[in-house]
Amino acid sequence: MFHKFRLNGDCLFSFPTKPRKTPEKPWDIAVSPNDNTIYISDWSRRRVYVYNGQNGKKIRSIKGCYRRGKKDEFVEFSRPAGITFDLGGRLMIADRGERCVWCINTEGDELIKTIGDGHIQDPYGIAVAKDGKIVVSESESDCVSVFGDDGELLHYFGGTGTGEGQLCRPHHVFIDSNMKIYVADTQNKRVQIFSLPEGLYQNLMPAPTADITLEHP
């Protein structure tokens, strides 16, 4: 069962659930910046469910899409996990099974581009920066990768361990307005906040002065 709440905690509505027609094991959720449509990834049913953000009614489900310009080549999702939107309002889906990130249109019928091309190790979480850069957590390799909006790998950080800056099974990622990256360092039971090399964000912001680590009690 899904619920939509106001910031004060009041429930606006609940999403209806019906066997085999709704998410079985939902992984992540994203809201369209254009019309507040809700997208939910479900790795168990291998698809993305789409709901009306005003009343919670199901619109459709997306199990894959056609490659751009190739209507006879259909690509199915394997284990869709983290989802978000890029600056153009297109849907970004981290697929753990295919080891890549899909960029598709919001109708779910056209694959625009693929990031990682089978080389991202267990992509779990995904976030898009204000300049279009794409940040993906790789749970299997204990690192976070940064891609350009064209899919080029620009930088990666982390590495297996328990020390500051090291990661163990990183899950979700988030980028704030100051271009700092928050990483849920799951097995280390903490959240770490990273800054990136100045060259990646020159002309956008001054280089942050320090990294911060927040640990659970």
Protein backbone atom coordinates (compact mmCIF):
# COMPACT_ATOMS: atom_id res chain seq x y z
CA MET A 1 0.00 0.00 0.00
CA PHE A 2 1.26 3.49 -0.89
CA HIS A 3 0.21 6.74 0.67
CA LYS A 4 0.60 10.40 -0.30
CA PHE A 5 0.95 12.82 2.59
CA ARG A 6 1.01 16.56 3.11
CA LEU A 7 4.11 17.95 4.81
CA ASN A 8 2.10 18.21 8.05
CA GLY A 9 1.48 14.47 7.99
CA ASP A 10 -2.12 14.48 6.72
CA CYS A 11 -2.80 11.64 4.30
CA LEU A 12 -4.16 12.86 0.95
CA PHE A 13 -4.95 9.43 -0.48
CA SER A 14 -3.77 5.82 -0.59
CA PHE A 15 -2.77 3.97 -3.70
CA PRO A 16 -5.07 1.02 -4.43
CA THR A 17 -3.37 -2.37 -4.52
CA LYS A 18 -4.50 -5.37 -6.55
CA PRO A 19 -2.58 -8.65 -6.91
CA ARG A 20 -0.37 -8.77 -10.02
CA LYS A 21 -1.47 -5.29 -11.11
CA THR A 22 0.55 -3.18 -8.68
CA PRO A 23 4.14 -3.20 -7.39
CA GLU A 24 5.14 -6.30 -5.46
CA LYS A 25 8.53 -5.13 -4.21
CA PRO A 26 8.79 -1.38 -4.89
CA TRP A 27 12.34 -0.06 -4.89
CA ASP A 28 12.27 3.67 -5.54
CA ILE A 29 9.89 6.47 -6.42
CA ALA A 30 10.17 9.61 -8.55
CA VAL A 31 7.75 12.42 -9.29
CA SER A 32 7.69 14.08 -12.70
CA PRO A 33 8.74 17.76 -12.50
CA ASN A 34 6.31 18.53 -15.32
CA ASP A 35 2.97 17.14 -14.15
CA ASN A 36 3.55 15.43 -10.77
CA THR A 37 2.98 11.98 -12.24
CA ILE A 38 4.40 9.31 -9.91
CA TYR A 39 6.78 6.60 -11.14
CA ILE A 40 7.56 3.56 -8.96
CA SER A 41 10.24 0.97 -9.79
CA ASP A 42 9.56 -2.67 -8.91
CA TRP A 43 12.52 -5.03 -9.26
CA SER A 44 10.40 -8.11 -8.56
CA ARG A 45 7.91 -7.54 -11.38
CA ARG A 46 10.67 -6.00 -13.52
CA ARG A 47 8.78 -2.88 -14.46
CA VAL A 48 7.97 0.71 -13.58
CA TYR A 49 4.44 1.62 -12.49
CA VAL A 50 2.96 5.02 -13.33
CA TYR A 51 0.29 6.72 -11.19
CA ASN A 52 -1.69 9.92 -11.34
CA GLY A 53 -0.19 12.21 -8.70
CA GLN A 54 -3.53 13.86 -7.93
CA ASN A 55 -5.75 10.87 -7.22
CA GLY A 56 -3.43 7.87 -7.06
CA LYS A 57 -5.01 6.05 -10.00
CA LYS A 58 -2.78 3.75 -12.01
CA ILE A 59 -2.04 5.03 -15.52
CA ARG A 60 0.14 2.25 -16.92
CA SER A 61 3.13 0.02 -16.26
CA ILE A 62 6.37 0.02 -18.24
CA LYS A 63 8.32 -3.22 -18.64
CA GLY A 64 10.72 -1.98 -21.28
CA CYS A 65 10.94 0.23 -24.36
CA TYR A 66 12.04 0.40 -27.98
CA ARG A 67 15.43 1.76 -28.91
CA ARG A 68 15.18 5.17 -30.54
CA GLY A 69 14.66 4.74 -34.26
CA LYS A 70 14.42 0.93 -33.96
CA LYS A 71 10.80 0.02 -33.36
CA ASP A 72 11.59 -3.66 -33.88
CA GLU A 73 14.18 -3.80 -31.07
CA PHE A 74 12.51 -3.97 -27.67
CA VAL A 75 14.61 -3.78 -24.49
CA GLU A 76 13.12 -5.26 -21.31
CA PHE A 77 14.04 -4.10 -17.82
CA SER A 78 15.75 -6.70 -15.66
CA ARG A 79 15.93 -5.38 -12.07
CA PRO A 80 14.94 -1.69 -12.11
CA ALA A 81 16.07 0.05 -8.94
CA GLY A 82 16.78 3.76 -8.46
CA ILE A 83 14.78 6.17 -10.62
CA THR A 84 14.85 9.92 -11.14
CA PHE A 85 14.41 12.55 -13.87
CA ASP A 86 17.09 14.35 -15.85
CA LEU A 87 16.99 18.07 -16.59
CA GLY A 88 14.98 17.42 -19.75
CA GLY A 89 12.22 15.67 -17.81
CA ARG A 90 13.18 12.22 -19.11
CA LEU A 91 13.09 9.19 -16.85
CA MET A 92 16.39 7.69 -15.65
CA ILE A 93 16.30 4.09 -14.39
CA ALA A 94 19.21 2.24 -12.75
CA ASP A 95 18.87 -1.41 -13.79
CA ARG A 96 20.76 -3.74 -11.46
CA GLY A 97 20.26 -6.75 -13.70
CA GLU A 98 21.48 -5.10 -16.90
CA ARG A 99 24.21 -3.12 -15.09
CA CYS A 100 23.36 0.15 -16.75
CA VAL A 101 21.14 3.22 -16.56
CA TRP A 102 18.28 3.58 -19.03
CA CYS A 103 17.14 7.02 -20.18
CA ILE A 104 13.61 6.77 -21.57
CA ASN A 105 10.75 9.07 -22.44
CA THR A 106 7.98 9.44 -19.89
CA GLU A 107 5.53 7.48 -22.05
CA GLY A 108 7.84 4.51 -21.64
CA ASP A 109 7.97 3.53 -25.29
CA GLU A 110 11.33 4.93 -26.43
CA LEU A 111 14.85 4.28 -25.16
CA ILE A 112 16.79 7.49 -25.67
CA LYS A 113 20.22 6.41 -24.43
CA THR A 114 22.02 3.89 -22.24
CA ILE A 115 24.63 4.82 -19.63
CA GLY A 116 27.19 2.31 -18.44
CA ASP A 117 26.41 -0.26 -21.13
CA GLY A 118 26.62 -3.30 -18.84
CA HIS A 119 29.69 -2.12 -16.94
CA ILE A 120 28.14 -0.51 -13.85
CA GLN A 121 28.47 -2.94 -10.95
CA ASP A 122 25.03 -3.33 -9.33
CA PRO A 123 23.70 0.22 -9.87
CA TYR A 124 21.45 0.96 -6.93
CA GLY A 125 20.72 4.67 -6.51
CA ILE A 126 20.75 7.49 -9.03
CA ALA A 127 20.61 11.28 -8.83
CA VAL A 128 20.99 14.13 -11.33
CA ALA A 129 22.87 17.35 -10.51
CA LYS A 130 21.73 20.83 -11.46
CA ASP A 131 24.23 20.86 -14.33
CA GLY A 132 22.99 17.55 -15.73
CA LYS A 133 25.70 15.27 -14.39
CA ILE A 134 24.46 11.81 -13.38
CA VAL A 135 25.55 10.19 -10.13
CA VAL A 136 25.13 6.43 -9.65
CA SER A 137 25.94 4.30 -6.61
CA GLU A 138 27.52 0.94 -7.44
CA SER A 139 26.73 -1.39 -4.57
CA GLU A 140 28.84 -4.31 -5.77
CA SER A 141 32.04 -2.32 -6.29
CA ASP A 142 31.50 -0.04 -3.27
CA CYS A 143 31.87 3.17 -5.22
CA VAL A 144 29.92 6.07 -6.71
CA SER A 145 30.36 6.99 -10.37
CA VAL A 146 29.75 10.38 -11.99
CA PHE A 147 28.74 10.58 -15.65
CA GLY A 148 28.25 13.48 -18.00
CA ASP A 149 24.80 13.99 -19.49
CA ASP A 150 26.16 12.28 -22.63
CA GLY A 151 26.96 9.13 -20.62
CA GLU A 152 30.72 9.63 -20.44
CA LEU A 153 32.33 8.49 -17.17
CA LEU A 154 33.93 11.56 -15.57
CA HIS A 155 34.88 10.47 -12.07
CA TYR A 156 34.36 7.84 -9.41
CA PHE A 157 35.10 7.67 -5.69
CA GLY A 158 34.79 5.39 -2.69
CA GLY A 159 36.34 1.95 -2.46
CA THR A 160 35.72 -0.93 -0.08
CA GLY A 161 36.35 -0.27 3.59
CA THR A 162 35.17 1.31 6.81
CA GLY A 163 37.40 4.38 6.84
CA GLU A 164 36.37 7.91 5.99
CA GLY A 165 35.58 8.13 2.30
CA GLN A 166 35.34 4.36 1.91
CA LEU A 167 32.05 2.57 1.31
CA CYS A 168 30.40 -0.77 1.89
CA ARG A 169 27.29 -1.53 -0.17
CA PRO A 170 26.28 2.07 -0.95
CA HIS A 171 22.60 2.41 -1.71
CA HIS A 172 20.74 5.65 -2.36
CA VAL A 173 22.42 8.91 -3.40
CA PHE A 174 21.27 12.53 -3.27
CA ILE A 175 22.76 15.80 -4.58
CA ASP A 176 21.98 19.07 -2.79
CA SER A 177 21.93 22.58 -4.24
CA ASN A 178 25.61 23.05 -3.34
CA MET A 179 26.61 20.04 -5.45
CA LYS A 180 27.46 17.86 -2.45
CA ILE A 181 26.69 14.18 -2.79
CA TYR A 182 25.01 12.31 0.06
CA VAL A 183 25.60 8.55 0.02
CA ALA A 184 23.72 5.99 2.12
CA ASP A 185 26.70 3.85 3.18
CA THR A 186 24.48 0.94 4.17
CA GLN A 187 26.74 -1.73 5.61
CA ASN A 188 28.81 0.88 7.44
CA LYS A 189 25.56 2.19 8.99
CA ARG A 190 26.16 5.82 8.13
CA VAL A 191 25.60 8.57 5.59
CA GLN A 192 28.66 10.19 4.03
CA ILE A 193 28.71 13.55 2.26
CA PHE A 194 31.22 14.07 -0.52
CA SER A 195 32.46 16.96 -2.59
CA LEU A 196 33.94 16.46 -6.05
CA PRO A 197 37.15 17.71 -7.67
CA GLU A 198 36.92 21.36 -8.57
CA GLY A 199 37.44 20.69 -12.26
CA LEU A 200 34.15 18.81 -12.57
CA TYR A 201 32.15 21.79 -11.40
CA GLN A 202 34.22 24.79 -12.39
CA ASN A 203 32.19 27.85 -13.34
CA LEU A 204 29.32 26.47 -11.26
CA MET A 205 30.42 26.81 -7.65
CA PRO A 206 33.53 27.27 -5.48
CA ALA A 207 35.23 24.08 -4.34
CA PRO A 208 33.82 22.80 -1.01
CA THR A 209 36.26 23.07 1.85
CA ALA A 210 35.80 19.64 3.44
CA ASP A 211 33.98 16.34 3.36
CA ILE A 212 31.63 15.43 6.18
CA THR A 213 30.65 12.06 7.61
CA LEU A 214 27.42 11.54 9.48
CA GLU A 215 27.17 8.30 11.45
CA HIS A 216 24.16 6.63 12.97
CA PRO A 217 24.30 6.31 16.76
